[in-house]
Amino acid sequence: MSTYRTAFMSHAHANNVLCTQYAAALRAFGIDLWIDLTNAQKGHDLSADITSQLVQRSAFIFMITAASDISPWVTLELSNYIALSHDHRTQMIAGMPRLILPVLLENISITPASNWAKIYGMNYIDAIGRPVADVAAEIARALVVDPAYPITPPPTPAPVAGPAFPLLASLRQLGFQARRSNGVEVIIPPTVFVPAGEFLMGSNKAQDPEAYDDEQPQYAIDVAAYEMAAYPVTVAEYAKYLAANPAVKAPPDTTFSDSERVNKDWRKKTMTWAIQQQQRADHPVVLVTWQNARDYAAWLAAVTGEPWRLPTEAEWEKAARGTDGRIYPWGPKWERGRANILEQGSPGMTTSIGTYAARDTTPAGCHDMIGNVLEWCHSIYLPYPFDKQKCDDNADHTNIHVLRGGSWYLNSRDARAAYRNGNVVAYYLNLCGFRLVRGVGAGSH
């Protein structure tokens, strides 16, 4: 009797009926196959169940139709599995290299943005016009375990009732998840899905008289699909990173100036990580460098097996303003009370994430992108137009990186979605934080 790989079937839900037939035929061979027939993604995020199954399965069966080729959910599933296949820490499972098996169900045209284009050139099964039983038999033959590889079935994860550890109520209410991965406690932020496509990056001086020179020229740029964290990384999340990595230094102490921009209770006072920051666990972590942010993302990716990273500058701006050319997340003009920035009555300090959630929502569904803290991006700070190869591909090897989003210390001009700042990777201040993206690469534009 043959031994088969465990398999994840990725498909568009418009093809549920046909793919259900394939799933049944493959299970009849004795193949342990997982398929989501309920559209179980939560909000604009891959569900924890789907993410877990992607990690556990040694084969990814991509059922290719016109619908699946443009499905954002299939994009996320495929992108996550490609990342697992390329990462040396996760590319082997049960003693075998991961397998991606395309099955062409319809004759479709390939475009650069299509899911099929991402793996075009791989061996695939042509199922067009063929009986389900015949194609299922060919898929089964492709899934037979090669005798050259040892067979070590992956352990069945024990069900966990409730969170893996206590989570701050304010974070739990916003959709954060407590998770224990490989014995390490992590906090997973809620994410929103940003679909692939063009948007206008930068500023047009005629439409936005407050635009700075480095925001010009405005131009259309195509950005691949990705998931953006809905909020910046919090003190609570960063504390889990430090607890798991005792050799990593905590954010340094800082003494606030006597400026009128600073909350009067904090003027000339010192903030420490051990006390003041951790007492405000649902605030954005501050006093982190670009290197700190990059290393945190790499750690979270390694622990969870998910492709967490810093957003590119283009990804950050698209998530902040959408595709209609607006200047602020909510529209063309500044409106008081929508974000934590320098204005009359401003807090003069960071605020809990989500404080302005009813008023600062971006078109994608993110919060705190304007004000609160400046956020580090993966990209190098260079003149426009944005160039992926120059700005992103070699970003780990240069010194000046992008900060976005304004902060509690800056005014409304510096809180526009197109506002950009650049600083050295070792720069830190009590208004510098970051947020994460979940997606393949350093930004696939």
Protein backbone atom coordinates (compact mmCIF):
# COMPACT_ATOMS: atom_id res chain seq x y z
CA MET A 1 0.00 0.00 0.00
CA SER A 2 1.39 3.43 -0.96
CA THR A 3 2.31 6.08 1.60
CA TYR A 4 1.30 9.60 0.66
CA ARG A 5 2.28 13.09 1.59
CA THR A 6 -0.17 15.10 3.68
CA ALA A 7 -1.78 17.69 1.42
CA PHE A 8 -3.37 21.14 1.55
CA MET A 9 -5.77 21.88 -1.33
CA SER A 10 -5.96 25.57 -2.25
CA HIS A 11 -8.86 26.66 -4.42
CA ALA A 12 -11.35 29.44 -5.05
CA HIS A 13 -14.61 28.99 -3.19
CA ALA A 14 -16.44 29.50 -6.48
CA ASN A 15 -15.07 26.04 -7.36
CA ASN A 16 -16.22 24.32 -4.15
CA VAL A 17 -18.38 21.72 -5.91
CA LEU A 18 -15.67 20.51 -8.28
CA CYS A 19 -12.89 20.61 -5.67
CA THR A 20 -15.06 18.68 -3.22
CA GLN A 21 -15.18 15.89 -5.80
CA TYR A 22 -11.39 15.94 -6.10
CA ALA A 23 -10.98 15.92 -2.32
CA ALA A 24 -13.22 12.88 -1.98
CA ALA A 25 -11.39 11.03 -4.76
CA LEU A 26 -7.99 11.72 -3.17
CA ARG A 27 -9.14 10.67 0.29
CA ALA A 28 -10.33 7.41 -1.25
CA PHE A 29 -6.65 6.70 -2.01
CA GLY A 30 -5.91 7.17 1.71
CA ILE A 31 -4.45 10.66 1.32
CA ASP A 32 -4.69 12.90 4.39
CA LEU A 33 -6.01 16.03 2.65
CA TRP A 34 -7.21 19.31 4.14
CA ILE A 35 -9.51 21.70 2.27
CA ASP A 36 -11.46 24.74 3.47
CA LEU A 37 -15.00 24.66 2.10
CA THR A 38 -16.46 27.27 4.45
CA ASN A 39 -14.56 30.44 3.48
CA ALA A 40 -13.30 30.44 7.05
CA GLN A 41 -10.92 33.39 6.80
CA LYS A 42 -11.64 35.75 9.66
CA GLY A 43 -12.04 39.33 8.51
CA HIS A 44 -9.17 40.08 6.15
CA ASP A 45 -6.83 37.54 7.64
CA LEU A 46 -5.91 33.92 7.16
CA SER A 47 -7.57 32.01 9.98
CA ALA A 48 -5.33 30.37 12.56
CA ASP A 49 -6.56 26.97 11.34
CA ILE A 50 -5.51 27.66 7.74
CA THR A 51 -2.14 29.00 8.83
CA SER A 52 -1.55 25.94 11.01
CA GLN A 53 -2.48 23.55 8.19
CA LEU A 54 -0.11 25.27 5.76
CA VAL A 55 2.74 24.73 8.20
CA GLN A 56 1.88 21.06 8.82
CA ARG A 57 1.24 19.85 5.24
CA SER A 58 4.07 18.54 3.05
CA ALA A 59 2.22 19.17 -0.24
CA PHE A 60 0.29 22.18 -1.56
CA ILE A 61 -2.19 21.32 -4.33
CA PHE A 62 -3.06 24.49 -6.25
CA MET A 63 -6.33 24.02 -8.17
CA ILE A 64 -5.98 26.57 -10.98
CA THR A 65 -9.06 28.25 -12.43
CA ALA A 66 -9.83 31.79 -13.52
CA ALA A 67 -11.33 32.40 -10.08
CA SER A 68 -8.41 30.98 -8.08
CA ASP A 69 -5.89 32.83 -10.25
CA ILE A 70 -7.09 36.18 -8.92
CA SER A 71 -8.38 35.13 -5.49
CA PRO A 72 -6.76 37.18 -2.68
CA TRP A 73 -7.19 34.26 -0.29
CA VAL A 74 -5.45 31.85 -2.65
CA THR A 75 -2.74 34.49 -3.05
CA LEU A 76 -2.15 34.49 0.70
CA GLU A 77 -2.18 30.69 0.95
CA LEU A 78 0.21 30.27 -1.97
CA SER A 79 2.50 33.08 -0.83
CA ASN A 80 2.72 31.66 2.69
CA TYR A 81 3.49 28.17 1.37
CA ILE A 82 6.16 29.47 -1.01
CA ALA A 83 7.75 31.26 1.95
CA LEU A 84 7.72 28.04 3.98
CA SER A 85 9.29 26.19 1.03
CA HIS A 86 12.10 28.75 0.65
CA ASP A 87 12.99 29.16 4.33
CA HIS A 88 15.72 26.72 5.38
CA ARG A 89 14.03 26.37 8.77
CA THR A 90 10.72 25.13 7.34
CA GLN A 91 11.47 23.81 3.85
CA MET A 92 11.67 20.21 5.11
CA ILE A 93 8.69 18.53 6.77
CA ALA A 94 8.40 14.93 7.92
CA GLY A 95 11.86 14.41 6.45
CA MET A 96 10.80 15.59 2.97
CA PRO A 97 11.09 18.83 1.00
CA ARG A 98 7.76 20.60 0.58
CA LEU A 99 5.97 20.06 -2.73
CA ILE A 100 3.83 22.52 -4.71
CA LEU A 101 1.64 20.69 -7.21
CA PRO A 102 -0.31 22.86 -9.70
CA VAL A 103 -3.43 21.29 -11.25
CA LEU A 104 -4.73 23.21 -14.27
CA LEU A 105 -8.53 22.91 -14.30
CA GLU A 106 -9.23 25.67 -16.83
CA ASN A 107 -7.31 27.15 -19.75
CA ILE A 108 -6.48 30.64 -18.48
CA SER A 109 -4.30 33.54 -19.58
CA ILE A 110 -1.27 34.27 -17.44
CA THR A 111 -0.63 37.84 -16.31
CA PRO A 112 2.27 39.09 -14.14
CA ALA A 113 -0.13 39.62 -11.23
CA SER A 114 -1.75 36.18 -11.41
CA ASN A 115 -1.21 33.41 -8.88
CA TRP A 116 -0.37 30.96 -11.68
CA ALA A 117 2.48 33.26 -12.78
CA LYS A 118 4.16 32.86 -9.37
CA ILE A 119 4.87 29.19 -10.02
CA TYR A 120 4.64 29.00 -13.81
CA GLY A 121 7.38 26.74 -15.13
CA MET A 122 6.84 24.05 -12.49
CA ASN A 123 5.64 20.63 -13.55
CA TYR A 124 1.86 20.63 -13.45
CA ILE A 125 -1.05 18.29 -14.05
CA ASP A 126 -3.26 19.19 -17.00
CA ALA A 127 -6.81 18.38 -15.90
CA ILE A 128 -8.68 20.29 -18.60
CA GLY A 129 -11.54 18.18 -19.97
CA ARG A 130 -10.45 15.03 -18.11
CA PRO A 131 -12.54 12.93 -15.69
CA VAL A 132 -12.04 13.67 -11.99
CA ALA A 133 -11.14 10.05 -11.25
CA ASP A 134 -8.30 10.03 -13.81
CA VAL A 135 -6.83 13.33 -12.62
CA ALA A 136 -7.14 12.29 -8.95
CA ALA A 137 -5.16 9.14 -9.72
CA GLU A 138 -2.39 11.24 -11.31
CA ILE A 139 -2.35 13.59 -8.32
CA ALA A 140 -2.12 10.59 -6.00
CA ARG A 141 0.88 9.23 -7.91
CA ALA A 142 2.60 12.62 -7.54
CA LEU A 143 1.99 12.53 -3.78
CA VAL A 144 3.52 9.08 -3.18
CA VAL A 145 6.38 9.42 -0.71
CA ASP A 146 9.79 8.93 -2.29
CA PRO A 147 11.51 5.97 -0.56
CA ALA A 148 14.67 8.05 -0.41
CA TYR A 149 13.13 10.17 2.33
CA PRO A 150 12.42 8.84 5.82
CA ILE A 151 8.79 8.80 6.85
CA THR A 152 8.26 10.68 10.08
CA PRO A 153 4.63 11.68 10.46
CA PRO A 154 4.28 15.13 12.00
CA PRO A 155 2.86 15.12 15.53
CA THR A 156 -0.80 15.95 15.89
CA PRO A 157 -1.02 19.22 17.80
CA ALA A 158 -2.95 18.98 21.05
CA PRO A 159 -6.08 21.15 21.13
CA VAL A 160 -5.74 24.25 23.28
CA ALA A 161 -8.76 25.68 25.04
CA GLY A 162 -8.54 29.47 25.11
CA PRO A 163 -5.35 31.53 24.82
CA ALA A 164 -1.93 30.00 25.42
CA PHE A 165 -1.28 32.55 28.17
CA PRO A 166 -3.13 35.52 29.70
CA LEU A 167 -3.43 38.44 27.28
CA LEU A 168 -4.12 42.05 28.18
CA ALA A 169 -7.89 42.57 27.83
CA SER A 170 -7.48 45.73 25.72
CA LEU A 171 -5.36 43.81 23.18
CA ARG A 172 -7.65 40.79 23.14
CA GLN A 173 -10.63 43.05 22.39
CA LEU A 174 -8.77 44.49 19.38
CA GLY A 175 -8.16 41.01 17.93
CA PHE A 176 -4.64 40.20 19.15
CA GLN A 177 -3.94 36.50 19.79
CA ALA A 178 -1.80 34.86 22.45
CA ARG A 179 0.07 31.91 20.98
CA ARG A 180 2.72 29.48 22.12
CA SER A 181 4.96 28.46 19.20
CA ASN A 182 7.65 25.87 19.81
CA GLY A 183 7.42 26.63 23.51
CA VAL A 184 7.87 30.37 22.99
CA GLU A 185 5.13 32.83 23.91
CA VAL A 186 4.25 35.32 21.16
CA ILE A 187 1.46 37.82 20.58
CA ILE A 188 0.05 37.87 17.03
CA PRO A 189 -1.47 41.16 15.84
CA PRO A 190 -4.70 41.36 13.84
CA THR A 191 -4.04 42.03 10.16
CA VAL A 192 -5.96 43.48 7.23
CA PHE A 193 -5.69 42.29 3.64
CA VAL A 194 -4.46 44.82 1.07
CA PRO A 195 -5.20 43.53 -2.45
CA ALA A 196 -2.75 43.71 -5.32
CA GLY A 197 -2.94 46.67 -7.68
CA GLU A 198 -1.83 50.21 -8.40
CA PHE A 199 -2.12 53.29 -6.23
CA LEU A 200 -0.83 56.85 -6.45
CA MET A 201 2.31 57.17 -4.32
CA GLY A 202 3.65 60.54 -3.24
CA SER A 203 2.14 64.00 -3.57
CA ASN A 204 0.87 66.32 -6.27
CA LYS A 205 1.71 69.87 -5.20
CA ALA A 206 -1.32 71.25 -7.03
CA GLN A 207 -3.64 69.05 -4.99
CA ASP A 208 -1.65 69.14 -1.74
CA PRO A 209 0.09 72.52 -1.22
CA GLU A 210 1.71 71.22 2.01
CA ALA A 211 3.65 68.51 0.16
CA TYR A 212 7.40 68.38 0.76
CA ASP A 213 9.84 68.11 -2.13
CA ASP A 214 10.85 64.53 -1.23
CA GLU A 215 7.23 63.37 -1.76
CA GLN A 216 7.36 64.32 -5.45
CA PRO A 217 6.76 63.44 -8.18
CA GLN A 218 3.51 61.56 -7.56
CA TYR A 219 3.28 58.41 -9.69
CA ALA A 220 1.35 55.16 -10.02
CA ILE A 221 3.02 52.06 -8.59
CA ASP A 222 1.83 48.46 -8.65
CA VAL A 223 1.99 46.64 -5.30
CA ALA A 224 1.47 42.91 -4.76
CA ALA A 225 -1.09 41.67 -2.21
CA TYR A 226 -0.06 41.53 1.45
CA GLU A 227 -1.40 41.60 5.00
CA MET A 228 -0.68 44.68 7.11
CA ALA A 229 -0.83 44.63 10.91
CA ALA A 230 -3.81 46.73 11.96
CA TYR A 231 -1.79 48.40 14.75
CA PRO A 232 1.85 49.21 15.54
CA VAL A 233 3.83 46.73 17.63
CA THR A 234 3.01 47.21 21.30
CA VAL A 235 5.10 47.09 24.45
CA ALA A 236 3.38 43.79 25.34
CA GLU A 237 4.47 42.19 22.05
CA TYR A 238 8.03 43.46 22.31
CA ALA A 239 8.26 42.24 25.91
CA LYS A 240 7.67 38.66 24.71
CA TYR A 241 10.55 39.07 22.26
CA LEU A 242 12.91 40.27 25.00
CA ALA A 243 11.80 37.48 27.35
CA ALA A 244 12.66 34.88 24.69
CA ASN A 245 15.99 36.56 23.82
CA PRO A 246 17.83 37.53 27.04
CA ALA A 247 20.89 38.65 25.07
CA VAL A 248 18.91 41.36 23.26
CA LYS A 249 19.11 44.77 24.92
CA ALA A 250 15.88 46.42 26.05
CA PRO A 251 15.04 49.89 24.70
CA PRO A 252 17.20 52.49 26.43
CA ASP A 253 16.09 55.08 28.98
CA THR A 254 15.24 58.56 27.75
CA THR A 255 14.68 61.90 29.46
CA PHE A 256 12.01 64.14 27.96
CA SER A 257 12.68 67.77 27.15
CA ASP A 258 10.91 70.74 28.71
CA SER A 259 9.16 71.44 25.40
CA GLU A 260 5.52 72.51 25.34
CA ARG A 261 4.98 69.66 22.89
CA VAL A 262 5.56 67.18 25.73
CA ASN A 263 2.86 66.33 28.24
CA LYS A 264 3.51 68.47 31.32
CA ASP A 265 3.62 65.35 33.52
CA TRP A 266 6.54 64.01 31.46
CA ARG A 267 8.69 67.11 31.03
CA LYS A 268 12.23 66.50 32.29
CA LYS A 269 11.13 63.02 33.44
CA THR A 270 12.92 59.81 32.49
CA MET A 271 11.19 56.89 30.80
CA THR A 272 12.65 53.42 31.35
CA TRP A 273 11.77 50.11 29.73
CA ALA A 274 11.60 48.27 33.05
CA ILE A 275 8.96 50.56 34.54
CA GLN A 276 7.34 53.29 32.46
CA GLN A 277 7.11 51.48 29.13
CA GLN A 278 5.90 48.19 30.61
CA GLN A 279 3.31 50.00 32.69
CA ARG A 280 1.82 51.08 29.35
CA ALA A 281 1.74 47.65 27.71
CA ASP A 282 -0.93 48.54 25.14
CA HIS A 283 1.00 51.58 23.88
CA PRO A 284 3.32 51.33 20.85
CA VAL A 285 6.82 50.32 21.84
CA VAL A 286 9.20 53.26 21.39
CA LEU A 287 12.95 53.90 21.48
CA VAL A 288 13.55 51.14 18.91
CA THR A 289 15.98 51.37 16.01
CA TRP A 290 15.42 50.09 12.48
CA GLN A 291 17.72 47.21 13.39
CA ASN A 292 15.58 46.41 16.45
CA ALA A 293 12.44 46.41 14.30
CA ARG A 294 14.01 44.21 11.61
CA ASP A 295 15.28 41.73 14.21
CA TYR A 296 11.90 41.53 15.95
CA ALA A 297 10.19 40.72 12.64
CA ALA A 298 12.78 38.05 11.85
CA TRP A 299 12.30 36.48 15.28
CA LEU A 300 8.51 36.38 14.97
CA ALA A 301 8.82 34.81 11.51
CA ALA A 302 11.22 32.16 12.79
CA VAL A 303 9.11 31.24 15.81
CA THR A 304 5.77 31.10 14.01
CA GLY A 305 6.87 29.85 10.58
CA GLU A 306 4.94 32.77 9.03
CA PRO A 307 6.51 35.41 6.74
CA TRP A 308 6.47 38.42 9.09
CA ARG A 309 8.62 41.40 8.10
CA LEU A 310 8.74 45.19 7.98
CA PRO A 311 6.56 46.84 5.33
CA THR A 312 8.14 48.50 2.35
CA GLU A 313 7.53 52.22 1.97
CA ALA A 314 5.07 51.59 -0.86
CA GLU A 315 3.16 49.00 1.17
CA TRP A 316 2.96 51.35 4.14
CA GLU A 317 1.60 54.25 2.10
CA LYS A 318 -0.94 52.13 0.21
CA ALA A 319 -2.31 50.76 3.49
CA ALA A 320 -2.51 54.32 4.88
CA ARG A 321 -4.32 56.07 2.02
CA GLY A 322 -5.83 53.50 -0.32
CA THR A 323 -6.07 53.99 -4.07
CA ASP A 324 -8.11 57.18 -4.55
CA GLY A 325 -5.34 59.75 -3.95
CA ARG A 326 -6.62 60.98 -0.58
CA ILE A 327 -4.18 62.94 1.60
CA TYR A 328 -5.21 61.58 5.01
CA PRO A 329 -6.66 58.15 5.78
CA TRP A 330 -10.15 59.63 6.05
CA GLY A 331 -10.05 62.09 3.15
CA PRO A 332 -8.50 65.22 1.61
CA LYS A 333 -8.30 67.49 4.69
CA TRP A 334 -6.99 67.40 8.23
CA GLU A 335 -9.75 66.99 10.82
CA ARG A 336 -9.04 67.63 14.46
CA GLY A 337 -9.45 64.76 16.89
CA ARG A 338 -8.79 61.99 14.39
CA ALA A 339 -5.25 61.11 15.47
CA ASN A 340 -2.67 61.61 18.20
CA ILE A 341 -0.60 64.45 16.75
CA LEU A 342 0.62 67.83 17.96
CA GLU A 343 -2.42 70.11 18.18
CA GLN A 344 -4.28 72.05 20.83
CA GLY A 345 -5.36 69.57 23.50
CA SER A 346 -2.99 66.87 22.23
CA PRO A 347 -1.90 64.21 24.79
CA GLY A 348 1.77 65.15 24.39
CA MET A 349 2.72 61.47 24.64
CA THR A 350 1.85 58.12 23.07
CA THR A 351 -1.65 56.77 23.55
CA SER A 352 -3.00 53.22 23.75
CA ILE A 353 -3.36 51.69 20.31
CA GLY A 354 -6.92 51.91 19.05
CA THR A 355 -7.67 55.08 21.01
CA TYR A 356 -8.71 56.82 17.78
CA ALA A 357 -10.01 53.67 16.05
CA ALA A 358 -13.48 55.08 15.46
CA ARG A 359 -12.01 58.08 13.62
CA ASP A 360 -8.67 57.15 12.03
CA THR A 361 -9.52 54.01 10.00
CA THR A 362 -7.62 53.75 6.72
CA PRO A 363 -9.33 52.42 3.56
CA ALA A 364 -7.65 49.06 4.21
CA GLY A 365 -8.81 48.97 7.84
CA CYS A 366 -5.61 49.91 9.69
CA HIS A 367 -5.39 52.20 12.72
CA ASP A 368 -2.76 54.48 14.29
CA MET A 369 -1.01 54.94 10.94
CA ILE A 370 -1.25 58.69 11.35
CA GLY A 371 0.19 60.06 14.60
CA ASN A 372 1.11 58.24 17.82
CA VAL A 373 4.54 57.01 16.61
CA LEU A 374 6.71 57.24 13.53
CA GLU A 375 7.03 53.77 11.99
CA TRP A 376 10.11 52.20 10.49
CA CYS A 377 9.82 50.74 6.97
CA HIS A 378 12.09 48.20 5.30
CA SER A 379 12.94 50.57 2.45
CA ILE A 380 15.97 52.77 1.93
CA TYR A 381 15.25 56.50 1.98
CA LEU A 382 15.89 57.63 -1.61
CA PRO A 383 14.40 60.25 -3.97
CA TYR A 384 11.28 59.31 -5.90
CA PRO A 385 10.22 57.58 -8.05
CA PHE A 386 10.27 54.46 -5.85
CA ASP A 387 12.47 51.70 -7.26
CA LYS A 388 12.11 48.24 -5.73
CA GLN A 389 15.59 47.07 -6.59
CA LYS A 390 17.28 50.16 -5.19
CA CYS A 391 14.95 50.75 -2.23
CA ASP A 392 14.10 47.23 -1.05
CA ASP A 393 16.22 44.43 -2.43
CA ASN A 394 19.45 45.56 -0.76
CA ALA A 395 17.89 47.35 2.17
CA ASP A 396 19.73 45.36 4.83
CA HIS A 397 23.05 46.72 3.59
CA THR A 398 22.60 50.46 3.82
CA ASN A 399 22.30 53.02 6.56
CA ILE A 400 19.38 55.40 5.86
CA HIS A 401 15.86 54.01 6.14
CA VAL A 402 12.34 55.37 5.94
CA LEU A 403 10.14 56.48 8.83
CA ARG A 404 6.43 57.08 8.16
CA GLY A 405 3.25 58.31 9.83
CA GLY A 406 4.01 61.42 11.86
CA SER A 407 3.78 61.11 15.66
CA TRP A 408 2.44 62.63 18.85
CA TYR A 409 5.30 65.17 18.62
CA LEU A 410 4.65 66.32 15.03
CA ASN A 411 1.97 68.48 13.40
CA SER A 412 -0.72 67.73 10.82
CA ARG A 413 1.53 68.53 7.86
CA ASP A 414 3.82 65.73 9.01
CA ALA A 415 0.88 63.39 9.57
CA ARG A 416 -0.19 63.22 5.92
CA ALA A 417 -0.11 59.73 4.40
CA ALA A 418 2.58 60.77 1.88
CA TYR A 419 4.88 62.37 4.48
CA ARG A 420 8.26 60.63 4.64
CA ASN A 421 11.29 60.90 6.84
CA GLY A 422 14.62 59.12 6.76
CA ASN A 423 17.19 58.34 9.40
CA VAL A 424 20.11 56.06 10.20
CA VAL A 425 19.36 52.47 11.20
CA ALA A 426 20.70 53.03 14.73
CA TYR A 427 18.46 56.08 15.32
CA TYR A 428 15.95 55.89 18.15
CA LEU A 429 13.67 58.37 19.88
CA ASN A 430 10.64 58.35 22.12
CA LEU A 431 8.44 58.71 19.05
CA CYS A 432 9.88 55.88 16.90
CA GLY A 433 8.09 52.54 16.64
CA PHE A 434 7.08 50.12 13.86
CA ARG A 435 4.41 47.74 12.56
CA LEU A 436 4.62 44.50 10.61
CA VAL A 437 3.50 42.95 7.33
CA ARG A 438 2.79 39.28 6.73
CA GLY A 439 3.72 38.33 3.18
CA VAL A 440 6.48 36.89 1.02
CA GLY A 441 9.70 38.76 0.38
CA ALA A 442 10.62 42.29 1.28
CA GLY A 443 7.69 43.52 -0.76
CA SER A 444 6.90 42.01 -4.17
CA HIS A 445 6.06 45.02 -6.35
